């Protein structure tokens, strides 16, 4: 499973559920800024 995940360019990281939630929140904030700056909308 690890090899399949890494083949997609992702990294496998072992962390706690709260650490994972914090990581997702941080990534959301980064991508939200990109979407807002580019004025992207769903069709």
PDB file of N, CA and C in Angstrom:
ATOM      1  N   UNK A   1       0.822  -1.175   0.000  1.00  0.00           N
ATOM      2  CA  UNK A   1       0.000   0.000   0.000  1.00  0.00           C
ATOM      3  C   UNK A   1       0.878   1.256   0.000  1.00  0.00           C
ATOM      4  N   UNK A   2       1.936   1.240   0.768  1.00  0.00           N
ATOM      5  CA  UNK A   2       2.825   2.409   0.826  1.00  0.00           C
ATOM      6  C   UNK A   2       3.404   2.710  -0.551  1.00  0.00           C
ATOM      7  N   UNK A   3       3.858   1.690  -1.259  1.00  0.00           N
ATOM      8  CA  UNK A   3       4.428   1.901  -2.592  1.00  0.00           C
ATOM      9  C   UNK A   3       3.388   2.504  -3.540  1.00  0.00           C
ATOM     10  N   UNK A   4       2.155   2.058  -3.447  1.00  0.00           N
ATOM     11  CA  UNK A   4       1.098   2.595  -4.323  1.00  0.00           C
ATOM     12  C   UNK A   4       0.834   4.055  -4.011  1.00  0.00           C
ATOM     13  N   UNK A   5       0.827   4.409  -2.739  1.00  0.00           N
ATOM     14  CA  UNK A   5       0.612   5.802  -2.348  1.00  0.00           C
ATOM     15  C   UNK A   5       1.779   6.662  -2.814  1.00  0.00           C
ATOM     16  N   UNK A   6       2.997   6.194  -2.583  1.00  0.00           N
ATOM     17  CA  UNK A   6       4.177   6.957  -2.982  1.00  0.00           C
ATOM     18  C   UNK A   6       4.275   7.091  -4.500  1.00  0.00           C
ATOM     19  N   UNK A   7       3.747   6.131  -5.241  1.00  0.00           N
ATOM     20  CA  UNK A   7       3.765   6.195  -6.701  1.00  0.00           C
ATOM     21  C   UNK A   7       2.917   7.352  -7.223  1.00  0.00           C
ATOM     22  N   UNK A   8       1.993   7.840  -6.414  1.00  0.00           N
ATOM     23  CA  UNK A   8       1.165   8.981  -6.813  1.00  0.00           C
ATOM     24  C   UNK A   8       1.828  10.308  -6.481  1.00  0.00           C
ATOM     25  N   UNK A   9       3.012  10.253  -5.858  1.00  0.00           N
ATOM     26  CA  UNK A   9       3.707  11.483  -5.476  1.00  0.00           C
ATOM     27  C   UNK A   9       3.403  11.917  -4.055  1.00  0.00           C
ATOM     28  N   UNK A  10       2.640  11.113  -3.342  1.00  0.00           N
ATOM     29  CA  UNK A  10       2.298  11.443  -1.961  1.00  0.00           C
ATOM     30  C   UNK A  10       3.316  10.838  -1.006  1.00  0.00           C
ATOM     31  N   UNK A  11       3.335  11.373   0.201  1.00  0.00           N
ATOM     32  CA  UNK A  11       4.194  10.827   1.250  1.00  0.00           C
ATOM     33  C   UNK A  11       3.315  10.146   2.292  1.00  0.00           C
ATOM     34  N   UNK A  12       3.799   9.063   2.840  1.00  0.00           N
ATOM     35  CA  UNK A  12       3.097   8.374   3.919  1.00  0.00           C
ATOM     36  C   UNK A  12       3.693   8.877   5.234  1.00  0.00           C
ATOM     37  N   UNK A  13       2.820   9.419   6.074  1.00  0.00           N
ATOM     38  CA  UNK A  13       3.257   9.972   7.354  1.00  0.00           C
ATOM     39  C   UNK A  13       2.367   9.377   8.442  1.00  0.00           C
ATOM     40  N   UNK A  14       2.980   8.856   9.474  1.00  0.00           N
ATOM     41  CA  UNK A  14       2.208   8.334  10.603  1.00  0.00           C
ATOM     42  C   UNK A  14       2.028   9.452  11.617  1.00  0.00           C
ATOM     43  N   UNK A  15       0.777   9.781  11.912  1.00  0.00           N
ATOM     44  CA  UNK A  15       0.505  10.796  12.917  1.00  0.00           C
ATOM     45  C   UNK A  15      -0.835  10.496  13.585  1.00  0.00           C
ATOM     46  N   UNK A  16      -1.150  11.292  14.566  1.00  0.00           N
ATOM     47  CA  UNK A  16      -2.395  11.075  15.308  1.00  0.00           C
ATOM     48  C   UNK A  16      -3.567  11.705  14.552  1.00  0.00           C
ATOM     49  N   UNK A  17      -4.779  11.336  14.915  1.00  0.00           N
ATOM     50  CA  UNK A  17      -5.941  11.960  14.271  1.00  0.00           C
ATOM     51  C   UNK A  17      -5.955  13.487  14.422  1.00  0.00           C
ATOM     52  N   UNK A  18      -5.545  13.994  15.572  1.00  0.00           N
ATOM     53  CA  UNK A  18      -5.544  15.449  15.759  1.00  0.00           C
ATOM     54  C   UNK A  18      -4.458  16.113  14.907  1.00  0.00           C
ATOM     55  N   UNK A  19      -3.316  15.457  14.745  1.00  0.00           N
ATOM     56  CA  UNK A  19      -2.263  15.989  13.882  1.00  0.00           C
ATOM     57  C   UNK A  19      -2.722  15.989  12.419  1.00  0.00           C
ATOM     58  N   UNK A  20      -3.401  14.935  12.021  1.00  0.00           N
ATOM     59  CA  UNK A  20      -3.917  14.855  10.665  1.00  0.00           C
ATOM     60  C   UNK A  20      -4.952  15.948  10.416  1.00  0.00           C
ATOM     61  N   UNK A  21      -5.840  16.179  11.376  1.00  0.00           N
ATOM     62  CA  UNK A  21      -6.846  17.234  11.254  1.00  0.00           C
ATOM     63  C   UNK A  21      -6.186  18.604  11.123  1.00  0.00           C
ATOM     64  N   UNK A  22      -5.131  18.850  11.885  1.00  0.00           N
ATOM     65  CA  UNK A  22      -4.414  20.122  11.803  1.00  0.00           C
ATOM     66  C   UNK A  22      -3.748  20.286  10.440  1.00  0.00           C
ATOM     67  N   UNK A  23      -3.213  19.208   9.917  1.00  0.00           N
ATOM     68  CA  UNK A  23      -2.576  19.244   8.596  1.00  0.00           C
ATOM     69  C   UNK A  23      -3.618  19.577   7.520  1.00  0.00           C
ATOM     70  N   UNK A  24      -4.778  18.923   7.582  1.00  0.00           N
ATOM     71  CA  UNK A  24      -5.839  19.204   6.618  1.00  0.00           C
ATOM     72  C   UNK A  24      -6.313  20.645   6.705  1.00  0.00           C
ATOM     73  N   UNK A  25      -6.446  21.156   7.918  1.00  0.00           N
ATOM     74  CA  UNK A  25      -6.878  22.543   8.102  1.00  0.00           C
ATOM     75  C   UNK A  25      -5.863  23.505   7.494  1.00  0.00           C
ATOM     76  N   UNK A  26      -4.576  23.252   7.719  1.00  0.00           N
ATOM     77  CA  UNK A  26      -3.524  24.114   7.169  1.00  0.00           C
ATOM     78  C   UNK A  26      -3.535  24.074   5.648  1.00  0.00           C
ATOM     79  N   UNK A  27      -3.685  22.899   5.069  1.00  0.00           N
ATOM     80  CA  UNK A  27      -3.727  22.783   3.607  1.00  0.00           C
ATOM     81  C   UNK A  27      -4.969  23.473   3.050  1.00  0.00           C
ATOM     82  N   UNK A  28      -6.081  23.355   3.738  1.00  0.00           N
ATOM     83  CA  UNK A  28      -7.307  24.016   3.308  1.00  0.00           C
ATOM     84  C   UNK A  28      -7.087  25.522   3.218  1.00  0.00           C
ATOM     85  N   UNK A  29      -6.449  26.088   4.231  1.00  0.00           N
ATOM     86  CA  UNK A  29      -6.204  27.533   4.247  1.00  0.00           C
ATOM     87  C   UNK A  29      -5.339  27.959   3.062  1.00  0.00           C
ATOM     88  N   UNK A  30      -4.324  27.174   2.738  1.00  0.00           N
ATOM     89  CA  UNK A  30      -3.441  27.492   1.603  1.00  0.00           C
ATOM     90  C   UNK A  30      -4.236  27.489   0.305  1.00  0.00           C
ATOM     91  N   UNK A  31      -4.984  26.416   0.082  1.00  0.00           N
ATOM     92  CA  UNK A  31      -5.716  26.308  -1.180  1.00  0.00           C
ATOM     93  C   UNK A  31      -6.899  27.257  -1.260  1.00  0.00           C
ATOM     94  N   UNK A  32      -7.476  27.610  -0.129  1.00  0.00           N
ATOM     95  CA  UNK A  32      -8.566  28.598  -0.113  1.00  0.00           C
ATOM     96  C   UNK A  32      -8.054  29.934  -0.640  1.00  0.00           C
ATOM     97  N   UNK A  33      -6.854  30.323  -0.238  1.00  0.00           N
ATOM     98  CA  UNK A  33      -6.273  31.584  -0.719  1.00  0.00           C
ATOM     99  C   UNK A  33      -6.074  31.553  -2.231  1.00  0.00           C
ATOM    100  N   UNK A  34      -5.630  30.432  -2.754  1.00  0.00           N
ATOM    101  CA  UNK A  34      -5.424  30.302  -4.201  1.00  0.00           C
ATOM    102  C   UNK A  34      -6.765  30.416  -4.928  1.00  0.00           C
ATOM    103  N   UNK A  35      -7.769  29.702  -4.449  1.00  0.00           N
ATOM    104  CA  UNK A  35      -9.090  29.728  -5.078  1.00  0.00           C
ATOM    105  C   UNK A  35      -9.666  31.139  -5.035  1.00  0.00           C
ATOM    106  N   UNK A  36      -9.577  31.794  -3.897  1.00  0.00           N
ATOM    107  CA  UNK A  36     -10.096  33.150  -3.769  1.00  0.00           C
ATOM    108  C   UNK A  36      -9.343  34.131  -4.664  1.00  0.00           C
ATOM    109  N   UNK A  37      -8.020  34.045  -4.694  1.00  0.00           N
ATOM    110  CA  UNK A  37      -7.213  34.963  -5.492  1.00  0.00           C
ATOM    111  C   UNK A  37      -7.492  34.810  -6.986  1.00  0.00           C
ATOM    112  N   UNK A  38      -7.766  33.590  -7.423  1.00  0.00           N
ATOM    113  CA  UNK A  38      -8.039  33.328  -8.829  1.00  0.00           C
ATOM    114  C   UNK A  38      -9.523  33.430  -9.172  1.00  0.00           C
ATOM    115  N   UNK A  39     -10.340  33.698  -8.134  1.00  0.00           N
ATOM    116  CA  UNK A  39     -11.796  33.795  -8.313  1.00  0.00           C
ATOM    117  C   UNK A  39     -12.374  32.550  -8.997  1.00  0.00           C
ATOM    118  N   UNK A  40     -11.922  31.386  -8.549  1.00  0.00           N
ATOM    119  CA  UNK A  40     -12.396  30.132  -9.119  1.00  0.00           C
ATOM    120  C   UNK A  40     -13.773  29.782  -8.581  1.00  0.00           C
ATOM    121  N   UNK A  41     -14.613  29.242  -9.448  1.00  0.00           N
ATOM    122  CA  UNK A  41     -15.974  28.843  -9.064  1.00  0.00           C
ATOM    123  C   UNK A  41     -16.264  27.456  -9.636  1.00  0.00           C
ATOM    124  N   UNK A  42     -17.097  26.703  -8.944  1.00  0.00           N
ATOM    125  CA  UNK A  42     -17.560  25.415  -9.462  1.00  0.00           C
ATOM    126  C   UNK A  42     -18.664  25.649 -10.469  1.00  0.00           C
ATOM    127  N   UNK A  43     -18.693  24.828 -11.497  1.00  0.00           N
ATOM    128  CA  UNK A  43     -19.780  24.928 -12.473  1.00  0.00           C
ATOM    129  C   UNK A  43     -20.990  24.184 -11.995  1.00  0.00           C
TER     130      UNK A  43
END
